[in-house]
C-alpha atoms as a PDB file:
ATOM      1  CA  UNK A   1      -9.116  30.921   9.103  1.00  0.00           C
ATOM      2  CA  UNK A   2      -5.679  30.664   7.506  1.00  0.00           C
ATOM      3  CA  UNK A   3      -5.464  28.085   4.744  1.00  0.00           C
ATOM      4  CA  UNK A   4      -2.477  26.251   3.335  1.00  0.00           C
ATOM      5  CA  UNK A   5      -1.517  24.502   0.131  1.00  0.00           C
ATOM      6  CA  UNK A   6      -2.146  20.759  -0.052  1.00  0.00           C
ATOM      7  CA  UNK A   7      -0.802  18.951   3.010  1.00  0.00           C
ATOM      8  CA  UNK A   8       0.668  15.478   3.200  1.00  0.00           C
ATOM      9  CA  UNK A   9       1.211  13.437   6.348  1.00  0.00           C
ATOM     10  CA  UNK A  10       4.423  11.582   5.612  1.00  0.00           C
ATOM     11  CA  UNK A  11       5.239  10.034   9.009  1.00  0.00           C
ATOM     12  CA  UNK A  12       2.909   7.114   9.691  1.00  0.00           C
ATOM     13  CA  UNK A  13       4.076   6.498  13.254  1.00  0.00           C
ATOM     14  CA  UNK A  14       3.757  10.174  14.234  1.00  0.00           C
ATOM     15  CA  UNK A  15       0.290  10.376  12.700  1.00  0.00           C
ATOM     16  CA  UNK A  16      -0.723   7.301  14.693  1.00  0.00           C
ATOM     17  CA  UNK A  17       0.384   8.994  17.913  1.00  0.00           C
ATOM     18  CA  UNK A  18      -1.404  12.222  17.005  1.00  0.00           C
ATOM     19  CA  UNK A  19      -4.674  10.878  15.627  1.00  0.00           C
ATOM     20  CA  UNK A  20      -4.811   7.110  16.135  1.00  0.00           C
ATOM     21  CA  UNK A  21      -7.036   7.043  19.222  1.00  0.00           C
ATOM     22  CA  UNK A  22      -9.393   9.571  17.617  1.00  0.00           C
ATOM     23  CA  UNK A  23      -9.564   8.054  14.143  1.00  0.00           C
ATOM     24  CA  UNK A  24     -10.249   4.532  15.438  1.00  0.00           C
ATOM     25  CA  UNK A  25     -13.229   5.657  17.519  1.00  0.00           C
ATOM     26  CA  UNK A  26     -14.807   7.889  14.897  1.00  0.00           C
ATOM     27  CA  UNK A  27     -14.060   5.299  12.212  1.00  0.00           C
ATOM     28  CA  UNK A  28     -15.951   2.619  14.126  1.00  0.00           C
ATOM     29  CA  UNK A  29     -19.009   4.886  14.425  1.00  0.00           C
ATOM     30  CA  UNK A  30     -18.775   5.803  10.741  1.00  0.00           C
ATOM     31  CA  UNK A  31     -18.670   2.148   9.662  1.00  0.00           C
ATOM     32  CA  UNK A  32     -21.713   1.352  11.786  1.00  0.00           C
ATOM     33  CA  UNK A  33     -23.582   4.241  10.192  1.00  0.00           C
ATOM     34  CA  UNK A  34     -22.833   3.449   6.532  1.00  0.00           C
ATOM     35  CA  UNK A  35     -23.729  -0.230   7.188  1.00  0.00           C
ATOM     36  CA  UNK A  36     -22.090  -1.869   4.177  1.00  0.00           C
ATOM     37  CA  UNK A  37     -23.010  -5.607   4.078  1.00  0.00           C
ATOM     38  CA  UNK A  38     -20.283  -8.213   4.653  1.00  0.00           C
ATOM     39  CA  UNK A  39     -18.397  -9.725   1.749  1.00  0.00           C
ATOM     40  CA  UNK A  40     -17.963  -6.506  -0.251  1.00  0.00           C
ATOM     41  CA  UNK A  41     -14.879  -5.144  -2.000  1.00  0.00           C
ATOM     42  CA  UNK A  42     -13.753  -1.800  -0.535  1.00  0.00           C
ATOM     43  CA  UNK A  43     -11.621   1.138  -1.621  1.00  0.00           C
ATOM     44  CA  UNK A  44     -10.124   3.323   1.115  1.00  0.00           C
ATOM     45  CA  UNK A  45      -9.044   6.594  -0.539  1.00  0.00           C
ATOM     46  CA  UNK A  46      -6.422   8.555   1.388  1.00  0.00           C
ATOM     47  CA  UNK A  47      -5.825   5.559   3.627  1.00  0.00           C
ATOM     48  CA  UNK A  48      -2.843   7.205   5.332  1.00  0.00           C
ATOM     49  CA  UNK A  49      -1.097   4.831   7.694  1.00  0.00           C
ATOM     50  CA  UNK A  50      -3.858   2.235   7.405  1.00  0.00           C
ATOM     51  CA  UNK A  51      -5.665   2.973  10.675  1.00  0.00           C
ATOM     52  CA  UNK A  52      -9.097   3.168   9.078  1.00  0.00           C
ATOM     53  CA  UNK A  53      -8.340   0.312   6.673  1.00  0.00           C
ATOM     54  CA  UNK A  54      -7.677  -1.798   9.753  1.00  0.00           C
ATOM     55  CA  UNK A  55     -11.123  -0.856  11.089  1.00  0.00           C
ATOM     56  CA  UNK A  56     -12.705  -1.903   7.777  1.00  0.00           C
ATOM     57  CA  UNK A  57     -11.032  -5.312   7.932  1.00  0.00           C
ATOM     58  CA  UNK A  58     -11.934  -5.817  11.598  1.00  0.00           C
ATOM     59  CA  UNK A  59     -15.537  -4.608  11.509  1.00  0.00           C
ATOM     60  CA  UNK A  60     -16.935  -4.768   7.970  1.00  0.00           C
ATOM     61  CA  UNK A  61     -15.892  -8.337   7.008  1.00  0.00           C
ATOM     62  CA  UNK A  62     -14.848  -7.302   3.480  1.00  0.00           C
ATOM     63  CA  UNK A  63     -13.951  -9.691   0.667  1.00  0.00           C
ATOM     64  CA  UNK A  64     -11.049  -7.401  -0.282  1.00  0.00           C
ATOM     65  CA  UNK A  65      -9.751  -3.926   0.579  1.00  0.00           C
ATOM     66  CA  UNK A  66      -7.519  -1.586  -1.394  1.00  0.00           C
ATOM     67  CA  UNK A  67      -6.008   1.467   0.272  1.00  0.00           C
ATOM     68  CA  UNK A  68      -4.401   4.314  -1.672  1.00  0.00           C
ATOM     69  CA  UNK A  69      -2.503   7.361  -0.426  1.00  0.00           C
ATOM     70  CA  UNK A  70      -0.056   9.834  -2.005  1.00  0.00           C
ATOM     71  CA  UNK A  71       2.490   9.472   0.822  1.00  0.00           C
ATOM     72  CA  UNK A  72       5.116   6.696   0.506  1.00  0.00           C
ATOM     73  CA  UNK A  73       5.841   6.996   4.240  1.00  0.00           C
ATOM     74  CA  UNK A  74       2.213   6.420   5.172  1.00  0.00           C
ATOM     75  CA  UNK A  75       1.879   3.494   2.769  1.00  0.00           C
ATOM     76  CA  UNK A  76       5.051   1.919   4.162  1.00  0.00           C
ATOM     77  CA  UNK A  77       3.602   2.128   7.683  1.00  0.00           C
ATOM     78  CA  UNK A  78       0.234   0.750   6.526  1.00  0.00           C
ATOM     79  CA  UNK A  79       1.956  -2.313   5.102  1.00  0.00           C
ATOM     80  CA  UNK A  80       3.261  -3.188   8.595  1.00  0.00           C
ATOM     81  CA  UNK A  81      -0.269  -3.553   9.988  1.00  0.00           C
ATOM     82  CA  UNK A  82      -1.907  -6.932  10.533  1.00  0.00           C
ATOM     83  CA  UNK A  83      -4.674  -5.973   8.108  1.00  0.00           C
ATOM     84  CA  UNK A  84      -2.110  -6.029   5.274  1.00  0.00           C
ATOM     85  CA  UNK A  85      -2.687  -9.792   5.127  1.00  0.00           C
ATOM     86  CA  UNK A  86      -5.991  -8.951   3.404  1.00  0.00           C
ATOM     87  CA  UNK A  87      -5.631  -5.325   2.348  1.00  0.00           C
ATOM     88  CA  UNK A  88      -3.530  -4.078  -0.542  1.00  0.00           C
ATOM     89  CA  UNK A  89      -1.835  -0.685  -0.175  1.00  0.00           C
ATOM     90  CA  UNK A  90      -0.631   1.430  -3.093  1.00  0.00           C
ATOM     91  CA  UNK A  91       0.415   4.981  -3.932  1.00  0.00           C
ATOM     92  CA  UNK A  92      -2.516   6.866  -5.431  1.00  0.00           C
ATOM     93  CA  UNK A  93      -4.108  10.307  -5.843  1.00  0.00           C
ATOM     94  CA  UNK A  94      -7.710  10.810  -4.692  1.00  0.00           C
ATOM     95  CA  UNK A  95      -8.324  13.186  -7.591  1.00  0.00           C
ATOM     96  CA  UNK A  96      -7.003  10.759 -10.206  1.00  0.00           C
ATOM     97  CA  UNK A  97      -7.614   7.237  -8.967  1.00  0.00           C
ATOM     98  CA  UNK A  98      -5.626   4.514 -10.759  1.00  0.00           C
ATOM     99  CA  UNK A  99      -8.605   2.176 -11.208  1.00  0.00           C
ATOM    100  CA  UNK A 100     -11.091   1.320 -13.923  1.00  0.00           C
ATOM    101  CA  UNK A 101     -14.742   2.330 -13.673  1.00  0.00           C
ATOM    102  CA  UNK A 102     -17.225   0.499 -11.417  1.00  0.00           C
ATOM    103  CA  UNK A 103     -14.598  -1.715  -9.755  1.00  0.00           C
ATOM    104  CA  UNK A 104     -15.501  -1.583  -6.028  1.00  0.00           C
ATOM    105  CA  UNK A 105     -18.658  -2.357  -4.050  1.00  0.00           C
ATOM    106  CA  UNK A 106     -17.935   0.419  -1.554  1.00  0.00           C
ATOM    107  CA  UNK A 107     -15.665   3.454  -1.487  1.00  0.00           C
ATOM    108  CA  UNK A 108     -14.722   5.673   1.433  1.00  0.00           C
ATOM    109  CA  UNK A 109     -12.564   8.693   2.214  1.00  0.00           C
ATOM    110  CA  UNK A 110     -11.777   8.966   5.912  1.00  0.00           C
ATOM    111  CA  UNK A 111     -10.594  12.392   7.122  1.00  0.00           C
ATOM    112  CA  UNK A 112      -9.405  13.284   3.620  1.00  0.00           C
ATOM    113  CA  UNK A 113     -11.871  15.490   1.746  1.00  0.00           C
ATOM    114  CA  UNK A 114     -10.787  18.844   3.250  1.00  0.00           C
ATOM    115  CA  UNK A 115      -7.188  18.227   2.196  1.00  0.00           C
ATOM    116  CA  UNK A 116      -8.056  17.942  -1.499  1.00  0.00           C
ATOM    117  CA  UNK A 117      -7.451  20.921  -3.762  1.00  0.00           C
ATOM    118  CA  UNK A 118     -10.657  20.021  -5.621  1.00  0.00           C
ATOM    119  CA  UNK A 119     -13.096  18.103  -3.379  1.00  0.00           C
ATOM    120  CA  UNK A 120     -15.683  17.779  -6.168  1.00  0.00           C
ATOM    121  CA  UNK A 121     -13.134  16.130  -8.443  1.00  0.00           C
ATOM    122  CA  UNK A 122     -12.287  13.705  -5.639  1.00  0.00           C
ATOM    123  CA  UNK A 123     -15.964  12.918  -5.035  1.00  0.00           C
ATOM    124  CA  UNK A 124     -16.572  12.337  -8.740  1.00  0.00           C
ATOM    125  CA  UNK A 125     -13.561  10.038  -8.920  1.00  0.00           C
ATOM    126  CA  UNK A 126     -14.933   8.026  -6.009  1.00  0.00           C
ATOM    127  CA  UNK A 127     -18.289   7.727  -7.772  1.00  0.00           C
ATOM    128  CA  UNK A 128     -16.554   6.624 -10.971  1.00  0.00           C
ATOM    129  CA  UNK A 129     -14.820   3.634  -9.380  1.00  0.00           C
ATOM    130  CA  UNK A 130     -17.769   2.452  -7.234  1.00  0.00           C
ATOM    131  CA  UNK A 131     -20.270   0.079  -8.849  1.00  0.00           C
ATOM    132  CA  UNK A 132     -23.753   1.472  -9.584  1.00  0.00           C
ATOM    133  CA  UNK A 133     -25.814   1.164  -6.412  1.00  0.00           C
ATOM    134  CA  UNK A 134     -22.700   0.801  -4.251  1.00  0.00           C
ATOM    135  CA  UNK A 135     -22.123   2.905  -1.136  1.00  0.00           C
ATOM    136  CA  UNK A 136     -19.697   5.824  -1.216  1.00  0.00           C
ATOM    137  CA  UNK A 137     -19.076   7.895   1.893  1.00  0.00           C
ATOM    138  CA  UNK A 138     -16.728  10.314   3.576  1.00  0.00           C
ATOM    139  CA  UNK A 139     -16.294  11.999   6.929  1.00  0.00           C
ATOM    140  CA  UNK A 140     -14.175  14.918   8.078  1.00  0.00           C
ATOM    141  CA  UNK A 141     -13.606  16.708  11.350  1.00  0.00           C
ATOM    142  CA  UNK A 142     -15.836  19.783  11.588  1.00  0.00           C
ATOM    143  CA  UNK A 143     -13.001  22.265  11.029  1.00  0.00           C
ATOM    144  CA  UNK A 144     -15.054  25.485  10.815  1.00  0.00           C
ATOM    145  CA  UNK A 145     -17.077  24.403  13.846  1.00  0.00           C
ATOM    146  CA  UNK A 146     -14.016  23.681  16.001  1.00  0.00           C
ATOM    147  CA  UNK A 147     -14.652  19.941  16.128  1.00  0.00           C
ATOM    148  CA  UNK A 148     -11.107  18.837  15.283  1.00  0.00           C
ATOM    149  CA  UNK A 149      -9.280  16.819  17.989  1.00  0.00           C
ATOM    150  CA  UNK A 150      -6.477  19.389  18.127  1.00  0.00           C
ATOM    151  CA  UNK A 151      -8.945  22.230  18.778  1.00  0.00           C
ATOM    152  CA  UNK A 152      -7.638  22.885  22.331  1.00  0.00           C
ATOM    153  CA  UNK A 153      -4.281  23.791  20.769  1.00  0.00           C
ATOM    154  CA  UNK A 154      -5.912  25.788  17.956  1.00  0.00           C
ATOM    155  CA  UNK A 155      -8.065  27.826  20.330  1.00  0.00           C
ATOM    156  CA  UNK A 156      -5.270  28.466  22.804  1.00  0.00           C
ATOM    157  CA  UNK A 157      -2.752  29.465  20.145  1.00  0.00           C
ATOM    158  CA  UNK A 158      -5.335  31.801  18.618  1.00  0.00           C
ATOM    159  CA  UNK A 159      -5.859  33.361  22.041  1.00  0.00           C
ATOM    160  CA  UNK A 160      -2.113  34.024  22.089  1.00  0.00           C
ATOM    161  CA  UNK A 161      -2.346  35.741  18.703  1.00  0.00           C
ATOM    162  CA  UNK A 162      -0.844  32.781  16.849  1.00  0.00           C
ATOM    163  CA  UNK A 163      -3.017  31.415  14.060  1.00  0.00           C
ATOM    164  CA  UNK A 164      -2.801  27.788  12.906  1.00  0.00           C
ATOM    165  CA  UNK A 165      -3.258  27.012   9.192  1.00  0.00           C
ATOM    166  CA  UNK A 166      -6.220  24.886   8.175  1.00  0.00           C
ATOM    167  CA  UNK A 167      -6.501  22.633   5.117  1.00  0.00           C
ATOM    168  CA  UNK A 168      -7.226  24.547   1.930  1.00  0.00           C
ATOM    169  CA  UNK A 169     -10.732  23.062   1.578  1.00  0.00           C
ATOM    170  CA  UNK A 170     -11.685  23.264   5.269  1.00  0.00           C
ATOM    171  CA  UNK A 171     -15.140  24.739   4.557  1.00  0.00           C
ATOM    172  CA  UNK A 172     -16.197  21.524   2.789  1.00  0.00           C
ATOM    173  CA  UNK A 173     -16.256  19.776   6.182  1.00  0.00           C
ATOM    174  CA  UNK A 174     -19.509  21.523   7.121  1.00  0.00           C
ATOM    175  CA  UNK A 175     -22.425  19.069   7.129  1.00  0.00           C
ATOM    176  CA  UNK A 176     -24.473  21.003   4.570  1.00  0.00           C
ATOM    177  CA  UNK A 177     -21.437  21.463   2.343  1.00  0.00           C
ATOM    178  CA  UNK A 178     -20.802  17.716   2.335  1.00  0.00           C
ATOM    179  CA  UNK A 179     -24.410  17.036   1.382  1.00  0.00           C
ATOM    180  CA  UNK A 180     -24.204  19.475  -1.540  1.00  0.00           C
ATOM    181  CA  UNK A 181     -20.863  18.006  -2.595  1.00  0.00           C
ATOM    182  CA  UNK A 182     -22.235  14.463  -2.732  1.00  0.00           C
ATOM    183  CA  UNK A 183     -25.309  15.548  -4.693  1.00  0.00           C
ATOM    184  CA  UNK A 184     -23.180  17.585  -7.115  1.00  0.00           C
ATOM    185  CA  UNK A 185     -20.963  14.526  -7.669  1.00  0.00           C
ATOM    186  CA  UNK A 186     -24.024  12.550  -8.791  1.00  0.00           C
ATOM    187  CA  UNK A 187     -24.709  10.338  -5.791  1.00  0.00           C
ATOM    188  CA  UNK A 188     -28.305   9.587  -4.838  1.00  0.00           C
ATOM    189  CA  UNK A 189     -30.049   8.654  -1.570  1.00  0.00           C
ATOM    190  CA  UNK A 190     -27.679  11.107   0.118  1.00  0.00           C
ATOM    191  CA  UNK A 191     -27.682  11.284   3.916  1.00  0.00           C
ATOM    192  CA  UNK A 192     -25.558  13.143   6.461  1.00  0.00           C
ATOM    193  CA  UNK A 193     -24.884  12.828  10.172  1.00  0.00           C
ATOM    194  CA  UNK A 194     -22.589  14.285  12.837  1.00  0.00           C
ATOM    195  CA  UNK A 195     -20.272  11.869  14.649  1.00  0.00           C
ATOM    196  CA  UNK A 196     -19.346  12.953  18.182  1.00  0.00           C
ATOM    197  CA  UNK A 197     -16.695  11.059  20.113  1.00  0.00           C
ATOM    198  CA  UNK A 198     -14.875  11.445  23.414  1.00  0.00           C
ATOM    199  CA  UNK A 199     -11.240  10.488  23.929  1.00  0.00           C
ATOM    200  CA  UNK A 200      -9.395  10.136  27.228  1.00  0.00           C
ATOM    201  CA  UNK A 201      -5.752  11.013  27.891  1.00  0.00           C
ATOM    202  CA  UNK A 202      -4.029   9.519  30.934  1.00  0.00           C
ATOM    203  CA  UNK A 203      -2.858  12.935  32.116  1.00  0.00           C
ATOM    204  CA  UNK A 204      -1.709  16.281  30.775  1.00  0.00           C
ATOM    205  CA  UNK A 205       1.688  14.908  29.760  1.00  0.00           C
ATOM    206  CA  UNK A 206      -0.046  12.263  27.620  1.00  0.00           C
ATOM    207  CA  UNK A 207      -2.167  14.958  25.978  1.00  0.00           C
ATOM    208  CA  UNK A 208       0.824  17.264  25.415  1.00  0.00           C
ATOM    209  CA  UNK A 209       3.069  14.574  23.937  1.00  0.00           C
ATOM    210  CA  UNK A 210       0.326  13.210  21.694  1.00  0.00           C
ATOM    211  CA  UNK A 211      -0.252  16.630  20.174  1.00  0.00           C
ATOM    212  CA  UNK A 212       3.458  17.411  19.720  1.00  0.00           C
ATOM    213  CA  UNK A 213       4.007  15.298  16.625  1.00  0.00           C
ATOM    214  CA  UNK A 214       5.842  16.370  13.440  1.00  0.00           C
ATOM    215  CA  UNK A 215       2.671  16.072  11.326  1.00  0.00           C
ATOM    216  CA  UNK A 216      -0.547  18.021  10.922  1.00  0.00           C
ATOM    217  CA  UNK A 217      -1.393  21.709  10.463  1.00  0.00           C
ATOM    218  CA  UNK A 218      -0.194  22.661  13.953  1.00  0.00           C
ATOM    219  CA  UNK A 219       3.247  21.024  13.665  1.00  0.00           C
ATOM    220  CA  UNK A 220       5.158  23.929  12.117  1.00  0.00           C
ATOM    221  CA  UNK A 221       3.560  26.453  14.442  1.00  0.00           C
ATOM    222  CA  UNK A 222       4.548  24.405  17.507  1.00  0.00           C
ATOM    223  CA  UNK A 223       8.111  23.911  16.237  1.00  0.00           C
ATOM    224  CA  UNK A 224       8.573  27.668  15.876  1.00  0.00           C
ATOM    225  CA  UNK A 225       7.396  28.633  19.355  1.00  0.00           C
ATOM    226  CA  UNK A 226       9.887  30.348  21.623  1.00  0.00           C
ATOM    227  CA  UNK A 227      10.533  28.828  25.051  1.00  0.00           C
ATOM    228  CA  UNK A 228       8.410  31.559  26.636  1.00  0.00           C
ATOM    229  CA  UNK A 229       5.543  30.954  24.199  1.00  0.00           C
ATOM    230  CA  UNK A 230       5.708  27.199  24.810  1.00  0.00           C
ATOM    231  CA  UNK A 231       5.512  27.713  28.564  1.00  0.00           C
ATOM    232  CA  UNK A 232       2.583  30.095  28.141  1.00  0.00           C
ATOM    233  CA  UNK A 233       0.809  27.601  25.882  1.00  0.00           C
ATOM    234  CA  UNK A 234       1.234  24.845  28.480  1.00  0.00           C
ATOM    235  CA  UNK A 235      -0.014  27.117  31.248  1.00  0.00           C
ATOM    236  CA  UNK A 236      -3.147  28.122  29.331  1.00  0.00           C
ATOM    237  CA  UNK A 237      -3.921  24.566  28.256  1.00  0.00           C
ATOM    238  CA  UNK A 238      -3.599  23.276  31.826  1.00  0.00           C
ATOM    239  CA  UNK A 239      -6.021  25.963  32.959  1.00  0.00           C
ATOM    240  CA  UNK A 240      -8.571  25.124  30.262  1.00  0.00           C
ATOM    241  CA  UNK A 241      -8.351  21.317  30.316  1.00  0.00           C
ATOM    242  CA  UNK A 242      -9.524  20.430  33.796  1.00  0.00           C
ATOM    243  CA  UNK A 243      -8.506  16.877  34.786  1.00  0.00           C
ATOM    244  CA  UNK A 244     -10.773  14.283  36.324  1.00  0.00           C
ATOM    245  CA  UNK A 245     -10.263  12.875  39.847  1.00  0.00           C
ATOM    246  CA  UNK A 246      -7.713  10.398  38.457  1.00  0.00           C
ATOM    247  CA  UNK A 247      -5.786  13.126  36.633  1.00  0.00           C
ATOM    248  CA  UNK A 248      -7.061  12.102  33.207  1.00  0.00           C
ATOM    249  CA  UNK A 249      -8.205  14.568  30.555  1.00  0.00           C
ATOM    250  CA  UNK A 250     -11.203  13.894  28.327  1.00  0.00           C
ATOM    251  CA  UNK A 251     -12.853  16.009  25.654  1.00  0.00           C
ATOM    252  CA  UNK A 252     -14.947  15.669  22.513  1.00  0.00           C
ATOM    253  CA  UNK A 253     -14.389  16.030  18.805  1.00  0.00           C
ATOM    254  CA  UNK A 254     -17.046  16.185  16.087  1.00  0.00           C
ATOM    255  CA  UNK A 255     -16.889  14.925  12.511  1.00  0.00           C
ATOM    256  CA  UNK A 256     -19.475  15.347   9.784  1.00  0.00           C
ATOM    257  CA  UNK A 257     -20.265  12.393   7.536  1.00  0.00           C
ATOM    258  CA  UNK A 258     -22.083  11.920   4.248  1.00  0.00           C
ATOM    259  CA  UNK A 259     -23.067   8.790   2.347  1.00  0.00           C
ATOM    260  CA  UNK A 260     -24.866   8.031  -0.890  1.00  0.00           C
ATOM    261  CA  UNK A 261     -25.265   5.472  -3.634  1.00  0.00           C
ATOM    262  CA  UNK A 262     -23.336   5.599  -6.886  1.00  0.00           C
END
């Protein structure tokens, strides 16, 4: 598994096209699982373009939400969402959060932890800013297990002899690794669960266009394909992704989640 230095996703609209339909579904399941009571103050670390923050506002009935992300482009997109009427979005680093201790009732990192250079530092920072007894949780696509939504591209490119870089801390997305991480950070009543979701694309063109966005680990690899390689990639993907009777394409992705109390 090839790893890369820290990645940032700077184009909020492109990220929405690439991951929006996936992140909304897995985010809804994650929120149901962590079961934070209504009326709580939330911190969404690595909020990106605000997709998960929007789910928090819609489903968790928070008293307040703060989203932080290192990317100005993502924060700018997040501020265009309807949830910005309640949520506050700011530039911030998961490994050095700009907040005082014990400020939030709940803290989450959605699809972030594997992109941190030091996941333990990020987990400890989350614990620091969550009130004692408050819920802190994270989830990440199962990168080593092939559970990422872009896995059809990853597998097919690998079969062509073309590796795709993974986030530098990809191994932390394993379920057992997340449990150890949360315990090492000092959380208690730690629990883990897999989150399996299915997403439907209208047809192959919808799938292809969605995955050809200028963000994510696969973006540079796809940009550098020759015309012949691109045609071969399309051919192999069409052969492996069998459509339904209506021409649609559906497949699963798996994330691993962990929660605990500060």
